[in-house]
Amino acid sequence: MKIVAVIMLLLTCSVSGCLSEEPETVEIAEPEPVLSENWDNQSYQYWNVQPMSVGNVSEISFNNTGDVNITMNLTAYFHEPLLWEQGYMEYMLEYNNETVFNVTLNLSNNEMFWVNLTNVSGNITVRIQSNGSDDPASQEPGDFFIARNYAVMTSYP
């Protein structure tokens, strides 16, 4: 009787592995394919004593439709003159004739901004308007701005 019990126990143990569920498979999310990458860099330094304005319009072009993530690094320095208003830099992004991002920097700034747009096809317009001057009597540099952006289009589901 003991032998039959031992045989039954061995058979139960050997078959018990077959009764378990299959191990769960973990799906690894693949990164979204990048359809297009664009860089736009603009800068200007004022060397004149009296105030001056500078404007720039550029376009970020996309040949596909997808989601766009834009990273902007904006640096600006504008001193406070005695005789006129302090300078500034206004940075705008436009898509389909609508402003999707707008910021104005003055004084001393180094800022990072992020904009995410969905279902984009066509162009995104970058508009920069700035006003500044230089004070040759001070040790500080003339007013300046540096605007860098990096735009990545990924596939649209």
C-alpha atoms as a PDB file:
ATOM      1  CA  MET A   1       0.000   0.000   0.000  1.00  0.00           C
ATOM      2  CA  LYS A   2       2.840   2.313   0.795  1.00  0.00           C
ATOM      3  CA  ILE A   3       4.349   1.672  -2.610  1.00  0.00           C
ATOM      4  CA  VAL A   4       1.091   2.597  -4.357  1.00  0.00           C
ATOM      5  CA  ALA A   5       0.890   5.817  -2.308  1.00  0.00           C
ATOM      6  CA  VAL A   6       4.496   6.705  -3.220  1.00  0.00           C
ATOM      7  CA  ILE A   7       3.836   6.011  -6.922  1.00  0.00           C
ATOM      8  CA  MET A   8       0.677   8.143  -6.834  1.00  0.00           C
ATOM      9  CA  LEU A   9       2.601  10.934  -5.120  1.00  0.00           C
ATOM     10  CA  LEU A  10       5.374  10.773  -7.746  1.00  0.00           C
ATOM     11  CA  LEU A  11       2.849  10.786 -10.607  1.00  0.00           C
ATOM     12  CA  THR A  12       1.002  13.745  -9.071  1.00  0.00           C
ATOM     13  CA  CYS A  13       4.247  15.702  -8.676  1.00  0.00           C
ATOM     14  CA  SER A  14       5.395  14.928 -12.218  1.00  0.00           C
ATOM     15  CA  VAL A  15       2.069  15.965 -13.757  1.00  0.00           C
ATOM     16  CA  SER A  16       1.613  19.083 -11.605  1.00  0.00           C
ATOM     17  CA  GLY A  17       3.992  21.129 -13.795  1.00  0.00           C
ATOM     18  CA  CYS A  18       1.739  20.503 -16.788  1.00  0.00           C
ATOM     19  CA  LEU A  19      -1.279  21.948 -15.021  1.00  0.00           C
ATOM     20  CA  SER A  20       0.178  25.435 -14.509  1.00  0.00           C
ATOM     21  CA  GLU A  21      -0.669  28.368 -16.783  1.00  0.00           C
ATOM     22  CA  GLU A  22       1.672  29.537 -19.470  1.00  0.00           C
ATOM     23  CA  PRO A  23       4.014  32.315 -18.358  1.00  0.00           C
ATOM     24  CA  GLU A  24       2.772  35.779 -19.268  1.00  0.00           C
ATOM     25  CA  THR A  25       4.519  37.326 -22.220  1.00  0.00           C
ATOM     26  CA  VAL A  26       5.624  40.896 -21.694  1.00  0.00           C
ATOM     27  CA  GLU A  27       5.195  43.090 -24.738  1.00  0.00           C
ATOM     28  CA  ILE A  28       7.974  45.606 -25.196  1.00  0.00           C
ATOM     29  CA  ALA A  29       6.680  48.904 -26.499  1.00  0.00           C
ATOM     30  CA  GLU A  30       8.572  49.928 -29.579  1.00  0.00           C
ATOM     31  CA  PRO A  31       9.512  53.586 -29.891  1.00  0.00           C
ATOM     32  CA  GLU A  32       7.423  55.627 -32.282  1.00  0.00           C
ATOM     33  CA  PRO A  33       9.166  55.983 -35.623  1.00  0.00           C
ATOM     34  CA  VAL A  34      10.592  59.434 -36.253  1.00  0.00           C
ATOM     35  CA  LEU A  35       9.302  60.785 -39.565  1.00  0.00           C
ATOM     36  CA  SER A  36      11.151  64.098 -39.591  1.00  0.00           C
ATOM     37  CA  GLU A  37      13.585  66.160 -37.500  1.00  0.00           C
ATOM     38  CA  ASN A  38      14.177  69.899 -37.838  1.00  0.00           C
ATOM     39  CA  TRP A  39      16.467  72.411 -36.180  1.00  0.00           C
ATOM     40  CA  ASP A  40      16.005  76.187 -36.248  1.00  0.00           C
ATOM     41  CA  ASN A  41      18.633  78.495 -34.740  1.00  0.00           C
ATOM     42  CA  GLN A  42      18.377  82.288 -34.716  1.00  0.00           C
ATOM     43  CA  SER A  43      20.453  84.865 -32.863  1.00  0.00           C
ATOM     44  CA  TYR A  44      21.314  88.541 -32.898  1.00  0.00           C
ATOM     45  CA  GLN A  45      23.476  90.924 -30.869  1.00  0.00           C
ATOM     46  CA  TYR A  46      22.905  94.677 -30.878  1.00  0.00           C
ATOM     47  CA  TRP A  47      26.022  96.846 -31.344  1.00  0.00           C
ATOM     48  CA  ASN A  48      24.318 100.209 -31.780  1.00  0.00           C
ATOM     49  CA  VAL A  49      23.957 102.858 -29.067  1.00  0.00           C
ATOM     50  CA  GLN A  50      20.419 103.843 -30.018  1.00  0.00           C
ATOM     51  CA  PRO A  51      17.543 101.320 -29.964  1.00  0.00           C
ATOM     52  CA  MET A  52      17.041  99.138 -32.996  1.00  0.00           C
ATOM     53  CA  SER A  53      14.516  96.449 -33.946  1.00  0.00           C
ATOM     54  CA  VAL A  54      15.099  93.119 -35.650  1.00  0.00           C
ATOM     55  CA  GLY A  55      12.513  90.684 -36.986  1.00  0.00           C
ATOM     56  CA  ASN A  56      12.812  87.203 -38.435  1.00  0.00           C
ATOM     57  CA  VAL A  57      10.336  84.724 -39.913  1.00  0.00           C
ATOM     58  CA  SER A  58      11.313  81.148 -40.696  1.00  0.00           C
ATOM     59  CA  GLU A  59       9.369  77.945 -41.348  1.00  0.00           C
ATOM     60  CA  ILE A  60       9.717  74.417 -40.070  1.00  0.00           C
ATOM     61  CA  SER A  61       8.539  72.199 -42.934  1.00  0.00           C
ATOM     62  CA  PHE A  62       7.067  68.719 -42.625  1.00  0.00           C
ATOM     63  CA  ASN A  63       6.323  66.458 -45.598  1.00  0.00           C
ATOM     64  CA  ASN A  64       4.267  63.993 -43.548  1.00  0.00           C
ATOM     65  CA  THR A  65       1.385  64.023 -41.080  1.00  0.00           C
ATOM     66  CA  GLY A  66       2.067  63.221 -37.443  1.00  0.00           C
ATOM     67  CA  ASP A  67       2.565  64.456 -33.910  1.00  0.00           C
ATOM     68  CA  VAL A  68       5.187  67.178 -33.428  1.00  0.00           C
ATOM     69  CA  ASN A  69       7.190  67.773 -30.254  1.00  0.00           C
ATOM     70  CA  ILE A  70       9.142  71.045 -30.202  1.00  0.00           C
ATOM     71  CA  THR A  71      11.838  71.827 -27.646  1.00  0.00           C
ATOM     72  CA  MET A  72      12.894  75.475 -27.441  1.00  0.00           C
ATOM     73  CA  ASN A  73      15.935  76.864 -25.641  1.00  0.00           C
ATOM     74  CA  LEU A  74      15.622  80.661 -25.503  1.00  0.00           C
ATOM     75  CA  THR A  75      18.407  82.822 -24.108  1.00  0.00           C
ATOM     76  CA  ALA A  76      18.182  86.603 -23.896  1.00  0.00           C
ATOM     77  CA  TYR A  77      19.938  89.521 -22.234  1.00  0.00           C
ATOM     78  CA  PHE A  78      18.650  93.091 -22.326  1.00  0.00           C
ATOM     79  CA  HIS A  79      20.143  95.876 -20.186  1.00  0.00           C
ATOM     80  CA  GLU A  80      18.095  98.752 -18.737  1.00  0.00           C
ATOM     81  CA  PRO A  81      19.103 101.943 -20.588  1.00  0.00           C
ATOM     82  CA  LEU A  82      18.664 105.358 -19.004  1.00  0.00           C
ATOM     83  CA  LEU A  83      17.064 107.146 -21.961  1.00  0.00           C
ATOM     84  CA  TRP A  84      14.630 104.627 -23.504  1.00  0.00           C
ATOM     85  CA  GLU A  85      12.737 101.469 -22.781  1.00  0.00           C
ATOM     86  CA  GLN A  86      14.404  98.166 -22.076  1.00  0.00           C
ATOM     87  CA  GLY A  87      14.706  95.770 -25.009  1.00  0.00           C
ATOM     88  CA  TYR A  88      12.916  92.449 -25.407  1.00  0.00           C
ATOM     89  CA  MET A  89      12.554  89.385 -27.594  1.00  0.00           C
ATOM     90  CA  GLU A  90       9.140  87.996 -28.559  1.00  0.00           C
ATOM     91  CA  TYR A  91       9.122  84.400 -29.830  1.00  0.00           C
ATOM     92  CA  MET A  92       6.011  82.934 -31.501  1.00  0.00           C
ATOM     93  CA  LEU A  93       5.064  79.654 -33.158  1.00  0.00           C
ATOM     94  CA  GLU A  94       2.140  79.631 -35.580  1.00  0.00           C
ATOM     95  CA  TYR A  95       0.335  76.693 -37.159  1.00  0.00           C
ATOM     96  CA  ASN A  96      -2.678  77.020 -39.491  1.00  0.00           C
ATOM     97  CA  ASN A  97      -2.730  80.805 -38.946  1.00  0.00           C
ATOM     98  CA  GLU A  98      -3.116  80.358 -35.183  1.00  0.00           C
ATOM     99  CA  THR A  99      -0.550  81.204 -32.535  1.00  0.00           C
ATOM    100  CA  VAL A 100       0.260  77.985 -30.661  1.00  0.00           C
ATOM    101  CA  PHE A 101       3.079  79.425 -28.516  1.00  0.00           C
ATOM    102  CA  ASN A 102       4.090  82.965 -27.543  1.00  0.00           C
ATOM    103  CA  VAL A 103       6.620  84.218 -24.984  1.00  0.00           C
ATOM    104  CA  THR A 104       8.398  87.527 -24.382  1.00  0.00           C
ATOM    105  CA  LEU A 105      11.818  87.604 -22.711  1.00  0.00           C
ATOM    106  CA  ASN A 106      13.697  90.576 -21.278  1.00  0.00           C
ATOM    107  CA  LEU A 107      16.368  91.150 -18.641  1.00  0.00           C
ATOM    108  CA  SER A 108      18.566  88.048 -18.431  1.00  0.00           C
ATOM    109  CA  ASN A 109      16.789  84.782 -19.236  1.00  0.00           C
ATOM    110  CA  ASN A 110      17.752  81.257 -20.183  1.00  0.00           C
ATOM    111  CA  GLU A 111      14.510  79.299 -20.518  1.00  0.00           C
ATOM    112  CA  MET A 112      13.419  75.921 -21.869  1.00  0.00           C
ATOM    113  CA  PHE A 113       9.929  75.444 -23.334  1.00  0.00           C
ATOM    114  CA  TRP A 114       8.110  72.445 -24.823  1.00  0.00           C
ATOM    115  CA  VAL A 115       5.166  72.407 -27.237  1.00  0.00           C
ATOM    116  CA  ASN A 116       3.323  69.267 -28.391  1.00  0.00           C
ATOM    117  CA  LEU A 117       1.031  69.409 -31.427  1.00  0.00           C
ATOM    118  CA  THR A 118      -1.048  66.536 -32.814  1.00  0.00           C
ATOM    119  CA  ASN A 119      -2.063  65.732 -36.377  1.00  0.00           C
ATOM    120  CA  VAL A 120       0.300  68.248 -37.970  1.00  0.00           C
ATOM    121  CA  SER A 121       0.873  68.448 -41.708  1.00  0.00           C
ATOM    122  CA  GLY A 122       2.535  71.322 -43.497  1.00  0.00           C
ATOM    123  CA  ASN A 123       4.572  74.130 -41.961  1.00  0.00           C
ATOM    124  CA  ILE A 124       5.031  75.684 -38.548  1.00  0.00           C
ATOM    125  CA  THR A 125       6.036  79.358 -38.703  1.00  0.00           C
ATOM    126  CA  VAL A 126       8.600  80.776 -36.265  1.00  0.00           C
ATOM    127  CA  ARG A 127       8.326  84.558 -35.729  1.00  0.00           C
ATOM    128  CA  ILE A 128      10.882  86.532 -33.746  1.00  0.00           C
ATOM    129  CA  GLN A 129      10.633  90.231 -33.024  1.00  0.00           C
ATOM    130  CA  SER A 130      13.249  91.951 -30.925  1.00  0.00           C
ATOM    131  CA  ASN A 131      14.288  95.423 -29.843  1.00  0.00           C
ATOM    132  CA  GLY A 132      17.572  96.318 -28.151  1.00  0.00           C
ATOM    133  CA  SER A 133      20.700  98.445 -27.985  1.00  0.00           C
ATOM    134  CA  ASP A 134      24.228  98.572 -26.611  1.00  0.00           C
ATOM    135  CA  ASP A 135      25.689 100.820 -23.922  1.00  0.00           C
ATOM    136  CA  PRO A 136      29.371 101.361 -24.737  1.00  0.00           C
ATOM    137  CA  ALA A 137      29.931 102.973 -21.322  1.00  0.00           C
ATOM    138  CA  SER A 138      29.106  99.746 -19.439  1.00  0.00           C
ATOM    139  CA  GLN A 139      31.139  96.561 -19.168  1.00  0.00           C
ATOM    140  CA  GLU A 140      28.085  94.478 -20.050  1.00  0.00           C
ATOM    141  CA  PRO A 141      27.693  93.089 -23.569  1.00  0.00           C
ATOM    142  CA  GLY A 142      25.181  94.569 -25.971  1.00  0.00           C
ATOM    143  CA  ASP A 143      21.655  93.199 -25.845  1.00  0.00           C
ATOM    144  CA  PHE A 144      21.329  89.815 -27.517  1.00  0.00           C
ATOM    145  CA  PHE A 145      19.100  86.795 -27.965  1.00  0.00           C
ATOM    146  CA  ILE A 146      19.676  83.192 -28.985  1.00  0.00           C
ATOM    147  CA  ALA A 147      16.695  81.077 -30.023  1.00  0.00           C
ATOM    148  CA  ARG A 148      17.219  77.373 -30.677  1.00  0.00           C
ATOM    149  CA  ASN A 149      14.484  74.875 -31.358  1.00  0.00           C
ATOM    150  CA  TYR A 150      14.398  71.207 -32.190  1.00  0.00           C
ATOM    151  CA  ALA A 151      11.230  69.735 -33.708  1.00  0.00           C
ATOM    152  CA  VAL A 152      10.544  66.001 -34.073  1.00  0.00           C
ATOM    153  CA  MET A 153       7.598  64.547 -35.968  1.00  0.00           C
ATOM    154  CA  THR A 154       6.536  61.043 -34.986  1.00  0.00           C
ATOM    155  CA  SER A 155       3.928  58.892 -36.692  1.00  0.00           C
ATOM    156  CA  TYR A 156       0.277  59.693 -36.212  1.00  0.00           C
ATOM    157  CA  PRO A 157      -1.860  56.642 -35.308  1.00  0.00           C
END
